[in-house]
Amino acid sequence: MLVNLSGDKSQFRLFDLIILKKDHPELNLLVGDKGVLVDKLGDNPAWEVEFFDEKTHETKAVETLCEDDFYLV
């Protein structure tokens, strides 16, 4: 596992490209949707993730998700 400069142990870093591994129909997000980590929320395993439409390259959602919900590309 990598350790960043703040001492936080996480395999994820700001601006990493991720893929959703769980459906979130209430957020209109499905398994396989791609996003970018845009903010780490404190010491919690939670991130603000910006999801985008691969065809239009427009933002389709910005949601707070737990690290268990996605994996690195």
C-alpha atoms as a PDB file:
ATOM      1  CA  MET A   1       0.000   0.000   0.000  1.00  0.00           C
ATOM      2  CA  LEU A   2       1.251   3.467  -0.840  1.00  0.00           C
ATOM      3  CA  VAL A   3       1.591   6.240   1.726  1.00  0.00           C
ATOM      4  CA  ASN A   4       1.082   9.846   0.648  1.00  0.00           C
ATOM      5  CA  LEU A   5       2.846  12.866   2.156  1.00  0.00           C
ATOM      6  CA  SER A   6       0.088  13.487   4.711  1.00  0.00           C
ATOM      7  CA  GLY A   7       0.657  10.000   6.130  1.00  0.00           C
ATOM      8  CA  ASP A   8      -2.759   8.783   4.958  1.00  0.00           C
ATOM      9  CA  LYS A   9      -2.585   5.128   3.906  1.00  0.00           C
ATOM     10  CA  SER A  10      -4.574   4.709   0.718  1.00  0.00           C
ATOM     11  CA  GLN A  11      -4.093   3.227  -2.704  1.00  0.00           C
ATOM     12  CA  PHE A  12      -5.931   6.221  -4.173  1.00  0.00           C
ATOM     13  CA  ARG A  13      -4.610   9.672  -5.041  1.00  0.00           C
ATOM     14  CA  LEU A  14      -6.171  12.952  -6.084  1.00  0.00           C
ATOM     15  CA  PHE A  15      -7.065  12.957  -9.811  1.00  0.00           C
ATOM     16  CA  ASP A  16      -6.834   9.162 -10.148  1.00  0.00           C
ATOM     17  CA  LEU A  17      -9.129   7.687 -12.791  1.00  0.00           C
ATOM     18  CA  ILE A  18     -11.499   5.143 -11.246  1.00  0.00           C
ATOM     19  CA  ILE A  19     -14.227   2.724 -12.342  1.00  0.00           C
ATOM     20  CA  LEU A  20     -17.393   2.201 -10.355  1.00  0.00           C
ATOM     21  CA  LYS A  21     -17.824  -1.379  -9.134  1.00  0.00           C
ATOM     22  CA  LYS A  22     -21.286  -1.015  -7.568  1.00  0.00           C
ATOM     23  CA  ASP A  23     -24.536   0.263  -9.038  1.00  0.00           C
ATOM     24  CA  HIS A  24     -25.945   3.427  -7.451  1.00  0.00           C
ATOM     25  CA  PRO A  25     -29.308   3.774  -9.226  1.00  0.00           C
ATOM     26  CA  GLU A  26     -30.376   6.545  -6.834  1.00  0.00           C
ATOM     27  CA  LEU A  27     -27.448   8.581  -8.225  1.00  0.00           C
ATOM     28  CA  ASN A  28     -27.963   7.431 -11.828  1.00  0.00           C
ATOM     29  CA  LEU A  29     -24.552   5.706 -11.726  1.00  0.00           C
ATOM     30  CA  LEU A  30     -23.887   2.150 -12.882  1.00  0.00           C
ATOM     31  CA  VAL A  31     -21.102  -0.423 -12.677  1.00  0.00           C
ATOM     32  CA  GLY A  32     -18.383   0.513 -15.168  1.00  0.00           C
ATOM     33  CA  ASP A  33     -18.959   4.282 -15.076  1.00  0.00           C
ATOM     34  CA  LYS A  34     -15.635   6.142 -15.047  1.00  0.00           C
ATOM     35  CA  GLY A  35     -14.770   9.046 -12.798  1.00  0.00           C
ATOM     36  CA  VAL A  36     -11.938  11.144 -11.427  1.00  0.00           C
ATOM     37  CA  LEU A  37     -11.157  11.591  -7.737  1.00  0.00           C
ATOM     38  CA  VAL A  38     -11.429  15.333  -7.107  1.00  0.00           C
ATOM     39  CA  ASP A  39     -11.311  15.598  -3.303  1.00  0.00           C
ATOM     40  CA  LYS A  40     -10.469  13.419  -0.286  1.00  0.00           C
ATOM     41  CA  LEU A  41     -12.885  13.887   2.590  1.00  0.00           C
ATOM     42  CA  GLY A  42     -10.810  14.046   5.748  1.00  0.00           C
ATOM     43  CA  ASP A  43      -9.475  10.845   7.275  1.00  0.00           C
ATOM     44  CA  ASN A  44     -12.488   8.863   6.056  1.00  0.00           C
ATOM     45  CA  PRO A  45     -12.240   6.416   3.139  1.00  0.00           C
ATOM     46  CA  ALA A  46     -14.547   8.751   1.205  1.00  0.00           C
ATOM     47  CA  TRP A  47     -13.914  10.801  -1.927  1.00  0.00           C
ATOM     48  CA  GLU A  48     -15.710  13.322  -4.084  1.00  0.00           C
ATOM     49  CA  VAL A  49     -15.799  11.705  -7.523  1.00  0.00           C
ATOM     50  CA  GLU A  50     -16.582  13.501 -10.777  1.00  0.00           C
ATOM     51  CA  PHE A  51     -18.204  11.174 -13.297  1.00  0.00           C
ATOM     52  CA  PHE A  52     -18.246  12.055 -16.961  1.00  0.00           C
ATOM     53  CA  ASP A  53     -19.979  10.990 -20.137  1.00  0.00           C
ATOM     54  CA  GLU A  54     -17.373   9.289 -22.321  1.00  0.00           C
ATOM     55  CA  LYS A  55     -19.067  10.387 -25.555  1.00  0.00           C
ATOM     56  CA  THR A  56     -19.649  14.071 -24.773  1.00  0.00           C
ATOM     57  CA  HIS A  57     -16.882  14.447 -22.144  1.00  0.00           C
ATOM     58  CA  GLU A  58     -19.354  16.428 -20.027  1.00  0.00           C
ATOM     59  CA  THR A  59     -19.701  16.016 -16.277  1.00  0.00           C
ATOM     60  CA  LYS A  60     -22.724  13.881 -15.491  1.00  0.00           C
ATOM     61  CA  ALA A  61     -22.401  13.765 -11.688  1.00  0.00           C
ATOM     62  CA  VAL A  62     -20.219  14.712  -8.744  1.00  0.00           C
ATOM     63  CA  GLU A  63     -20.878  12.400  -5.810  1.00  0.00           C
ATOM     64  CA  THR A  64     -19.350  11.366  -2.506  1.00  0.00           C
ATOM     65  CA  LEU A  65     -18.415   7.678  -2.523  1.00  0.00           C
ATOM     66  CA  CYS A  66     -16.576   5.263  -0.266  1.00  0.00           C
ATOM     67  CA  GLU A  67     -13.359   3.602  -1.474  1.00  0.00           C
ATOM     68  CA  ASP A  68     -15.221   0.261  -1.504  1.00  0.00           C
ATOM     69  CA  ASP A  69     -17.381   1.541  -4.363  1.00  0.00           C
ATOM     70  CA  PHE A  70     -14.625   1.870  -6.994  1.00  0.00           C
ATOM     71  CA  TYR A  71     -11.229   0.677  -8.180  1.00  0.00           C
ATOM     72  CA  LEU A  72      -8.305   2.227 -10.058  1.00  0.00           C
ATOM     73  CA  VAL A  73      -8.165   2.041 -13.835  1.00  0.00           C
END
